[in-house]
Amino acid sequence: MNKKKPAAVSEHDAGVTGNTQPLIAHLMAFRKLVIAILIAVLVGFVAVFYFFCDPLMKFITSPIEARGVQIIYTAVSEAFTTQLKISLIAGVVLVSPFIFYQLWAFIKPALYESEIRLFRGLFFVALFLFLAGIAFCYCYVYELALNLFLVAGEDLATPMLSIDKYVSFLFSFLLPFGVVFEMPVAIFMATRVGWVTVKQLTSSRKFVFFGIFVLSAILTPPDVISQLMLGLPMYLLYEVSVLVARVTKPRDPLASGTED
């Protein structure tokens, strides 16, 4: 078998023997990475706050306003700080391609060509699953939860929701679903490097089931319906991950320096 050709060496790798770097060079490269990401996030935040904040806030509040519920704020700075929070999150999303590119450029020199192809494919799969999780939650789960909670409380009191609490409630649904949909990718990588096996995954089902609903109770608002709405899809994704693990070939540690 032929030796794998290491990936192209980046500028911060110049003058370094082999594939290793002195600790100081790693720290300097990481420092440049962090600075570049922070500058990009700042630019994204400013752009969203000044040009897209108002239509973005209208889009976020439209599901609740369409049901005739009034949005209020109960502290002097609440509306403004909520706008800052939304602008920051949207700014990160806006510049996320640049952030991922910087992260990729940082780790790429340490990978072999076959690993580069693998991680490049996993990146697009992970991005698709994250967006699919958010879209699934917003289009189905969130609408259902919103209707359920409003109907349950309509005979008890008049709903007047705080903008900050409403936004926090929204993201407490969206973000966990986006992260949970990454489970097949995480299981694939863990199986690939030999951290887990199909036998371990199947024999641990009852413990995983219990752990999933404990985790969903932590990630979602404190009610049973929200926990079920996250816990059930999470467990289904676990079963999909088991199927992924069945068709994943563990990497041969003796072949780490060679191509298949």
Protein backbone atom coordinates (compact mmCIF):
# COMPACT_ATOMS: atom_id res chain seq x y z
CA MET A 1 0.00 0.00 0.00
CA ASN A 2 1.18 3.51 -0.79
CA LYS A 3 1.89 6.15 1.74
CA LYS A 4 -0.75 8.80 1.99
CA LYS A 5 0.29 12.22 0.85
CA PRO A 6 -0.08 14.72 3.68
CA ALA A 7 -2.24 17.76 3.06
CA ALA A 8 -0.66 20.99 1.93
CA VAL A 9 1.12 22.81 4.72
CA SER A 10 -0.29 26.19 5.70
CA GLU A 11 1.76 29.34 6.23
CA HIS A 12 2.04 28.87 9.95
CA ASP A 13 3.57 25.43 9.26
CA ALA A 14 6.55 26.89 7.37
CA GLY A 15 9.92 25.79 8.68
CA VAL A 16 8.48 22.97 10.72
CA THR A 17 9.84 19.47 10.27
CA GLY A 18 7.33 16.71 9.47
CA ASN A 19 3.69 17.13 10.48
CA THR A 20 4.30 18.48 13.98
CA GLN A 21 4.64 22.03 15.22
CA PRO A 22 6.19 23.54 18.31
CA LEU A 23 3.64 24.46 20.94
CA ILE A 24 4.26 28.18 20.41
CA ALA A 25 3.44 27.89 16.70
CA HIS A 26 0.17 26.10 17.50
CA LEU A 27 -0.75 28.80 20.01
CA MET A 28 0.03 31.60 17.55
CA ALA A 29 -2.04 29.90 14.83
CA PHE A 30 -4.91 29.41 17.28
CA ARG A 31 -4.64 33.06 18.35
CA LYS A 32 -4.97 34.19 14.72
CA LEU A 33 -7.95 31.86 14.32
CA VAL A 34 -9.75 33.27 17.36
CA ILE A 35 -9.07 36.89 16.33
CA ALA A 36 -10.34 36.27 12.78
CA ILE A 37 -13.52 34.64 14.08
CA LEU A 38 -14.19 37.41 16.62
CA ILE A 39 -13.74 40.10 13.95
CA ALA A 40 -16.08 38.21 11.60
CA VAL A 41 -18.72 37.85 14.33
CA LEU A 42 -18.46 41.56 15.13
CA VAL A 43 -18.93 42.48 11.47
CA GLY A 44 -21.89 40.11 11.16
CA PHE A 45 -23.46 41.45 14.35
CA VAL A 46 -23.17 45.10 13.23
CA ALA A 47 -24.52 44.31 9.76
CA VAL A 48 -27.56 42.46 11.12
CA PHE A 49 -28.28 45.03 13.84
CA TYR A 50 -28.26 48.01 11.47
CA PHE A 51 -29.83 46.50 8.35
CA PHE A 52 -31.88 43.41 9.24
CA CYS A 53 -32.88 43.69 12.89
CA ASP A 54 -36.42 45.04 12.39
CA PRO A 55 -37.55 42.54 9.71
CA LEU A 56 -35.87 39.74 11.66
CA MET A 57 -37.75 40.63 14.84
CA LYS A 58 -41.03 40.75 12.89
CA PHE A 59 -40.32 37.31 11.47
CA ILE A 60 -39.51 35.87 14.90
CA THR A 61 -42.61 37.33 16.56
CA SER A 62 -45.00 36.61 13.66
CA PRO A 63 -46.09 33.16 14.95
CA ILE A 64 -47.26 34.60 18.25
CA GLU A 65 -48.70 37.83 16.82
CA ALA A 66 -50.68 35.83 14.24
CA ARG A 67 -52.54 34.30 17.19
CA GLY A 68 -53.48 37.73 18.52
CA VAL A 69 -51.08 37.63 21.46
CA GLN A 70 -49.53 40.92 22.51
CA ILE A 71 -45.75 41.14 22.85
CA ILE A 72 -44.58 43.42 25.67
CA TYR A 73 -41.41 44.23 27.57
CA THR A 74 -41.27 44.56 31.34
CA ALA A 75 -37.87 46.24 31.80
CA VAL A 76 -36.57 49.48 30.30
CA SER A 77 -33.70 47.77 28.47
CA GLU A 78 -35.43 44.47 27.66
CA ALA A 79 -36.46 45.28 24.07
CA PHE A 80 -33.03 46.67 23.21
CA THR A 81 -31.05 43.83 24.79
CA THR A 82 -33.29 41.30 23.02
CA GLN A 83 -32.50 42.98 19.71
CA LEU A 84 -28.80 42.76 20.54
CA LYS A 85 -29.14 39.06 21.38
CA ILE A 86 -31.00 38.29 18.14
CA SER A 87 -28.51 40.33 16.10
CA LEU A 88 -25.58 38.48 17.65
CA ILE A 89 -27.08 35.04 16.94
CA ALA A 90 -28.05 36.02 13.39
CA GLY A 91 -24.62 37.59 12.88
CA VAL A 92 -22.93 34.32 13.83
CA VAL A 93 -25.18 32.46 11.38
CA LEU A 94 -24.42 35.04 8.67
CA VAL A 95 -20.64 34.65 8.95
CA SER A 96 -20.72 30.92 9.74
CA PRO A 97 -19.30 29.95 6.31
CA PHE A 98 -16.23 32.08 7.06
CA ILE A 99 -15.98 30.60 10.57
CA PHE A 100 -16.14 27.04 9.24
CA TYR A 101 -13.57 27.87 6.58
CA GLN A 102 -11.18 29.21 9.21
CA LEU A 103 -11.65 26.13 11.38
CA TRP A 104 -11.14 23.90 8.36
CA ALA A 105 -7.95 25.75 7.37
CA PHE A 106 -6.66 25.31 10.93
CA ILE A 107 -7.11 21.54 11.14
CA LYS A 108 -6.54 20.63 7.48
CA PRO A 109 -2.70 20.54 7.62
CA ALA A 110 -2.88 17.79 10.26
CA LEU A 111 -5.04 15.52 8.07
CA TYR A 112 -4.19 13.05 5.35
CA GLU A 113 -5.86 13.24 1.97
CA SER A 114 -8.35 10.45 2.66
CA GLU A 115 -9.26 12.10 5.98
CA ILE A 116 -9.70 15.44 4.22
CA ARG A 117 -12.22 13.87 1.83
CA LEU A 118 -14.03 12.21 4.72
CA PHE A 119 -14.25 15.35 6.86
CA ARG A 120 -15.29 17.48 3.90
CA GLY A 121 -18.23 15.17 3.26
CA LEU A 122 -19.12 15.06 6.95
CA PHE A 123 -19.15 18.86 7.08
CA PHE A 124 -21.92 19.12 4.48
CA VAL A 125 -23.89 16.28 6.06
CA ALA A 126 -23.61 17.87 9.52
CA LEU A 127 -24.64 21.28 8.17
CA PHE A 128 -27.66 19.77 6.41
CA LEU A 129 -28.74 17.85 9.52
CA PHE A 130 -28.38 20.93 11.74
CA LEU A 131 -30.54 23.05 9.41
CA ALA A 132 -33.00 20.16 8.98
CA GLY A 133 -33.36 19.89 12.75
CA ILE A 134 -34.10 23.61 13.11
CA ALA A 135 -36.52 23.58 10.15
CA PHE A 136 -38.31 20.49 11.47
CA CYS A 137 -38.68 22.07 14.90
CA TYR A 138 -39.91 25.45 13.61
CA CYS A 139 -42.38 24.02 11.07
CA TYR A 140 -43.85 21.23 13.17
CA VAL A 141 -42.83 20.97 16.81
CA TYR A 142 -42.74 24.67 17.71
CA GLU A 143 -46.09 25.47 16.08
CA LEU A 144 -47.66 22.50 17.87
CA ALA A 145 -46.17 23.48 21.22
CA LEU A 146 -47.24 27.11 20.82
CA ASN A 147 -50.83 26.17 20.03
CA LEU A 148 -50.91 23.69 22.90
CA PHE A 149 -49.64 26.15 25.51
CA LEU A 150 -51.88 29.00 24.36
CA VAL A 151 -54.99 26.82 24.28
CA ALA A 152 -54.18 25.40 27.70
CA GLY A 153 -53.96 28.87 29.23
CA GLU A 154 -56.66 30.78 27.35
CA ASP A 155 -59.32 30.21 30.02
CA LEU A 156 -56.94 31.00 32.85
CA ALA A 157 -55.45 34.37 31.95
CA THR A 158 -54.90 36.83 29.10
CA PRO A 159 -51.55 36.14 27.40
CA MET A 160 -49.15 39.11 27.27
CA LEU A 161 -45.71 37.70 26.58
CA SER A 162 -42.40 39.35 27.43
CA ILE A 163 -40.25 39.71 24.32
CA ASP A 164 -37.15 38.39 26.08
CA LYS A 165 -38.93 35.33 27.50
CA TYR A 166 -40.60 34.62 24.17
CA VAL A 167 -37.28 34.73 22.28
CA SER A 168 -35.63 32.55 24.92
CA PHE A 169 -38.53 30.08 24.66
CA LEU A 170 -38.16 30.00 20.86
CA PHE A 171 -34.43 29.28 20.90
CA SER A 172 -34.84 26.73 23.69
CA PHE A 173 -36.71 24.72 21.06
CA LEU A 174 -34.73 25.45 17.89
CA LEU A 175 -31.13 25.02 19.02
CA PRO A 176 -31.52 21.66 20.84
CA PHE A 177 -33.19 20.18 17.77
CA GLY A 178 -30.38 21.40 15.54
CA VAL A 179 -27.76 19.85 17.84
CA VAL A 180 -29.66 16.59 18.35
CA PHE A 181 -29.97 16.03 14.59
CA GLU A 182 -26.15 15.77 14.54
CA MET A 183 -26.37 12.41 16.36
CA PRO A 184 -25.87 10.22 13.25
CA VAL A 185 -22.69 12.13 12.37
CA ALA A 186 -21.38 11.84 15.94
CA ILE A 187 -22.11 8.09 16.04
CA PHE A 188 -20.48 7.61 12.64
CA MET A 189 -17.28 9.31 13.79
CA ALA A 190 -17.25 7.44 17.10
CA THR A 191 -17.74 4.12 15.29
CA ARG A 192 -15.13 5.00 12.70
CA VAL A 193 -12.40 5.63 15.27
CA GLY A 194 -13.45 2.62 17.35
CA TRP A 195 -14.84 4.41 20.39
CA VAL A 196 -18.16 2.54 20.13
CA THR A 197 -19.40 -0.61 18.42
CA VAL A 198 -22.79 -1.71 17.14
CA LYS A 199 -23.00 -4.26 19.97
CA GLN A 200 -22.46 -1.53 22.57
CA LEU A 201 -25.07 0.70 20.96
CA THR A 202 -27.74 -2.01 20.83
CA SER A 203 -27.06 -3.36 24.32
CA SER A 204 -27.30 0.16 25.81
CA ARG A 205 -30.74 1.03 24.43
CA LYS A 206 -32.54 1.19 27.78
CA PHE A 207 -29.84 3.39 29.31
CA VAL A 208 -29.82 5.62 26.24
CA PHE A 209 -33.61 5.91 26.37
CA PHE A 210 -33.44 7.04 29.99
CA GLY A 211 -30.54 9.42 29.32
CA ILE A 212 -32.26 10.97 26.31
CA PHE A 213 -35.32 11.99 28.30
CA VAL A 214 -33.17 13.32 31.14
CA LEU A 215 -31.28 15.40 28.59
CA SER A 216 -34.48 16.59 26.91
CA ALA A 217 -35.77 17.68 30.33
CA ILE A 218 -32.63 19.81 30.74
CA LEU A 219 -32.66 21.31 27.23
CA THR A 220 -36.36 22.16 26.90
CA PRO A 221 -38.79 24.31 28.92
CA PRO A 222 -39.96 22.58 32.13
CA ASP A 223 -43.03 20.73 30.89
CA VAL A 224 -43.70 17.14 29.84
CA ILE A 225 -44.97 18.01 26.35
CA SER A 226 -41.77 19.85 25.39
CA GLN A 227 -39.67 17.00 26.75
CA LEU A 228 -41.60 14.43 24.70
CA MET A 229 -41.37 16.59 21.58
CA LEU A 230 -37.58 16.55 21.83
CA GLY A 231 -37.09 13.14 23.44
CA LEU A 232 -39.02 11.07 20.90
CA PRO A 233 -37.27 12.44 17.78
CA MET A 234 -33.97 12.14 19.65
CA TYR A 235 -34.56 8.44 20.29
CA LEU A 236 -35.60 7.88 16.67
CA LEU A 237 -32.34 9.53 15.61
CA TYR A 238 -30.49 7.18 17.94
CA GLU A 239 -32.02 4.20 16.12
CA VAL A 240 -31.00 5.78 12.80
CA SER A 241 -27.50 6.19 14.24
CA VAL A 242 -27.41 2.48 15.09
CA LEU A 243 -28.21 1.71 11.45
CA VAL A 244 -25.42 4.07 10.39
CA ALA A 245 -23.02 2.30 12.74
CA ARG A 246 -23.93 -1.08 11.20
CA VAL A 247 -22.68 0.04 7.78
CA THR A 248 -19.64 1.94 9.08
CA LYS A 249 -16.31 0.19 8.81
CA PRO A 250 -14.02 0.95 11.79
CA ARG A 251 -10.71 2.46 10.79
CA ASP A 252 -7.74 0.09 10.94
CA PRO A 253 -5.22 1.70 13.35
CA LEU A 254 -2.38 -0.04 11.50
CA ALA A 255 -3.40 1.71 8.32
CA SER A 256 -3.39 5.23 9.76
CA GLY A 257 -0.42 6.14 7.61
CA THR A 258 -1.62 4.52 4.41
CA GLU A 259 -4.41 4.91 1.98
CA ASP A 260 -6.96 2.18 1.43
